[in-house]
C-alpha atoms as a PDB file:
ATOM      1  CA  MET A   1       0.000   0.000   0.000  1.00  0.00           C
ATOM      2  CA  ILE A   2       1.307   3.446  -0.885  1.00  0.00           C
ATOM      3  CA  THR A   3       1.243   5.929   1.944  1.00  0.00           C
ATOM      4  CA  LEU A   4       0.285   9.560   1.506  1.00  0.00           C
ATOM      5  CA  LYS A   5       3.834  10.659   2.290  1.00  0.00           C
ATOM      6  CA  LYS A   6       5.295   8.428  -0.455  1.00  0.00           C
ATOM      7  CA  LEU A   7       2.689   9.630  -2.923  1.00  0.00           C
ATOM      8  CA  GLU A   8       3.460  13.286  -2.185  1.00  0.00           C
ATOM      9  CA  GLU A   9       7.172  12.567  -2.580  1.00  0.00           C
ATOM     10  CA  ALA A  10       6.552  10.861  -5.935  1.00  0.00           C
ATOM     11  CA  VAL A  11       4.522  13.850  -7.162  1.00  0.00           C
ATOM     12  CA  GLY A  12       7.309  16.183  -6.086  1.00  0.00           C
ATOM     13  CA  ILE A  13       9.899  14.138  -7.944  1.00  0.00           C
ATOM     14  CA  ARG A  14       7.697  14.082 -11.059  1.00  0.00           C
ATOM     15  CA  ARG A  15       7.392  17.889 -10.945  1.00  0.00           C
ATOM     16  CA  GLN A  16      11.156  18.238 -10.610  1.00  0.00           C
ATOM     17  CA  MET A  17      11.651  15.928 -13.613  1.00  0.00           C
ATOM     18  CA  GLU A  18       9.234  17.975 -15.727  1.00  0.00           C
ATOM     19  CA  ALA A  19      10.961  21.208 -14.737  1.00  0.00           C
ATOM     20  CA  LEU A  20      14.356  19.750 -15.635  1.00  0.00           C
ATOM     21  CA  GLU A  21      13.035  18.495 -18.974  1.00  0.00           C
ATOM     22  CA  LYS A  22      11.704  21.974 -19.777  1.00  0.00           C
ATOM     23  CA  ARG A  23      15.080  23.528 -18.925  1.00  0.00           C
ATOM     24  CA  LEU A  24      16.888  20.969 -21.067  1.00  0.00           C
ATOM     25  CA  SER A  25      14.493  21.559 -23.928  1.00  0.00           C
ATOM     26  CA  SER A  26      15.022  25.303 -23.765  1.00  0.00           C
ATOM     27  CA  LEU A  27      18.812  24.851 -23.689  1.00  0.00           C
ATOM     28  CA  LEU A  28      18.835  22.537 -26.702  1.00  0.00           C
ATOM     29  CA  GLY A  29      16.241  24.506 -28.617  1.00  0.00           C
ATOM     30  CA  GLY A  30      13.467  21.956 -28.360  1.00  0.00           C
ATOM     31  CA  ALA A  31      15.603  19.029 -29.552  1.00  0.00           C
ATOM     32  CA  ALA A  32      15.370  17.104 -26.282  1.00  0.00           C
ATOM     33  CA  SER A  33      13.235  14.009 -26.327  1.00  0.00           C
ATOM     34  CA  GLY A  34      10.959  13.920 -23.317  1.00  0.00           C
ATOM     35  CA  SER A  35       9.487  10.679 -22.098  1.00  0.00           C
ATOM     36  CA  THR A  36       6.491  12.394 -20.526  1.00  0.00           C
ATOM     37  CA  THR A  37       5.618  14.596 -23.492  1.00  0.00           C
ATOM     38  CA  ARG A  38       5.535  12.184 -26.369  1.00  0.00           C
ATOM     39  CA  GLN A  39       4.823  13.885 -29.637  1.00  0.00           C
ATOM     40  CA  GLY A  40       4.747  12.373 -33.062  1.00  0.00           C
ATOM     41  CA  ARG A  41       2.610  11.590 -36.022  1.00  0.00           C
ATOM     42  CA  ARG A  42      -0.120   9.055 -35.776  1.00  0.00           C
ATOM     43  CA  MET A  43       0.065   6.345 -38.372  1.00  0.00           C
ATOM     44  CA  SER A  44      -2.998   5.174 -40.224  1.00  0.00           C
ATOM     45  CA  ALA A  45      -4.030   1.547 -40.167  1.00  0.00           C
ATOM     46  CA  SER A  46      -3.235   1.133 -43.854  1.00  0.00           C
ATOM     47  CA  ALA A  47       0.261   2.538 -43.359  1.00  0.00           C
ATOM     48  CA  ARG A  48       0.863   0.143 -40.453  1.00  0.00           C
ATOM     49  CA  ALA A  49      -0.368  -2.734 -42.612  1.00  0.00           C
ATOM     50  CA  LYS A  50       2.011  -1.762 -45.420  1.00  0.00           C
ATOM     51  CA  LEU A  51       4.937  -1.576 -43.005  1.00  0.00           C
ATOM     52  CA  ALA A  52       4.025  -4.944 -41.493  1.00  0.00           C
ATOM     53  CA  ALA A  53       3.796  -6.556 -44.936  1.00  0.00           C
ATOM     54  CA  ALA A  54       7.164  -5.111 -45.912  1.00  0.00           C
ATOM     55  CA  ALA A  55       8.747  -6.386 -42.697  1.00  0.00           C
ATOM     56  CA  LYS A  56       7.302  -9.863 -43.253  1.00  0.00           C
ATOM     57  CA  ALA A  57       8.626  -9.864 -46.799  1.00  0.00           C
ATOM     58  CA  ARG A  58      12.101  -8.849 -45.581  1.00  0.00           C
ATOM     59  CA  TRP A  59      12.146 -11.625 -42.997  1.00  0.00           C
ATOM     60  CA  ALA A  60      10.880 -14.162 -45.512  1.00  0.00           C
ATOM     61  CA  LYS A  61      13.610 -13.125 -47.929  1.00  0.00           C
ATOM     62  CA  LYS A  62      16.222 -13.366 -45.183  1.00  0.00           C
ATOM     63  CA  ARG A  63      15.027 -16.867 -44.284  1.00  0.00           C
ATOM     64  CA  GLY A  64      14.912 -17.812 -47.945  1.00  0.00           C
ATOM     65  CA  GLU A  65      11.215 -18.584 -47.999  1.00  0.00           C
ATOM     66  CA  GLY A  66      10.227 -16.456 -50.959  1.00  0.00           C
ATOM     67  CA  THR A  67       7.445 -13.933 -50.656  1.00  0.00           C
ATOM     68  CA  ALA A  68       5.374 -13.086 -47.611  1.00  0.00           C
ATOM     69  CA  THR A  69       2.261 -14.489 -49.301  1.00  0.00           C
ATOM     70  CA  SER A  70       3.856 -17.921 -49.343  1.00  0.00           C
ATOM     71  CA  ILE A  71       4.190 -17.682 -45.564  1.00  0.00           C
ATOM     72  CA  LYS A  72       0.442 -17.158 -45.172  1.00  0.00           C
ATOM     73  CA  SER A  73      -0.376 -20.116 -47.415  1.00  0.00           C
ATOM     74  CA  LYS A  74       1.524 -22.567 -45.187  1.00  0.00           C
ATOM     75  CA  LYS A  75      -0.874 -24.045 -42.642  1.00  0.00           C
ATOM     76  CA  GLY A  76       1.269 -26.433 -40.678  1.00  0.00           C
ATOM     77  CA  GLY A  77       2.637 -28.570 -43.499  1.00  0.00           C
ATOM     78  CA  LEU A  78       0.381 -31.587 -42.919  1.00  0.00           C
ATOM     79  CA  THR A  79      -1.397 -33.298 -45.751  1.00  0.00           C
ATOM     80  CA  PRO A  80      -4.979 -34.429 -45.167  1.00  0.00           C
ATOM     81  CA  ALA A  81      -3.793 -38.039 -45.086  1.00  0.00           C
ATOM     82  CA  GLY A  82      -1.125 -37.198 -42.495  1.00  0.00           C
ATOM     83  CA  ARG A  83      -3.652 -35.303 -40.394  1.00  0.00           C
ATOM     84  CA  LYS A  84      -6.036 -38.287 -40.503  1.00  0.00           C
ATOM     85  CA  ARG A  85      -3.239 -40.664 -39.473  1.00  0.00           C
ATOM     86  CA  LEU A  86      -2.286 -38.463 -36.523  1.00  0.00           C
ATOM     87  CA  SER A  87      -5.925 -38.262 -35.484  1.00  0.00           C
ATOM     88  CA  GLN A  88      -6.228 -42.046 -35.528  1.00  0.00           C
ATOM     89  CA  LEU A  89      -3.029 -42.457 -33.522  1.00  0.00           C
ATOM     90  CA  MET A  90      -4.165 -39.956 -30.903  1.00  0.00           C
ATOM     91  CA  SER A  91      -7.578 -41.614 -30.643  1.00  0.00           C
ATOM     92  CA  ALA A  92      -5.863 -44.953 -30.066  1.00  0.00           C
ATOM     93  CA  ARG A  93      -3.641 -43.431 -27.357  1.00  0.00           C
ATOM     94  CA  TRP A  94      -6.596 -41.852 -25.597  1.00  0.00           C
ATOM     95  CA  ALA A  95      -8.547 -45.113 -25.743  1.00  0.00           C
ATOM     96  CA  ALA A  96      -5.598 -46.996 -24.243  1.00  0.00           C
ATOM     97  CA  LYS A  97      -5.269 -44.393 -21.507  1.00  0.00           C
ATOM     98  CA  ARG A  98      -8.986 -44.614 -20.675  1.00  0.00           C
ATOM     99  CA  LYS A  99      -8.785 -48.392 -20.629  1.00  0.00           C
ATOM    100  CA  ALA A 100      -5.783 -48.304 -18.273  1.00  0.00           C
ATOM    101  CA  ALA A 101      -7.513 -45.803 -16.003  1.00  0.00           C
ATOM    102  CA  SER A 102     -10.682 -47.884 -15.789  1.00  0.00           C
ATOM    103  CA  LYS A 103      -8.694 -50.959 -14.669  1.00  0.00           C
ATOM    104  CA  LYS A 104      -7.355 -49.133 -11.596  1.00  0.00           C
END
């Protein structure tokens, strides 16, 4: 639990930090980057999507996988026959486990 004294001390420290950031900003002509006053341009959703697609393409190229669209088309690499075989194996394991549990 935070006491009132600690809270007042934290507020005082925050005010001192803001005052120091203002002084630094005035000395450097506004070139200081403040963590409390974050300014910047907002990016649209379409711009973020374009950047994400470009990053995925770069990583795919670096890994040697081709284009980013080929990454999306991969769904685990199992053929339908392989998926069916795994399903049958798991069903057999579960049945054996149930059978063993019922014997106890």
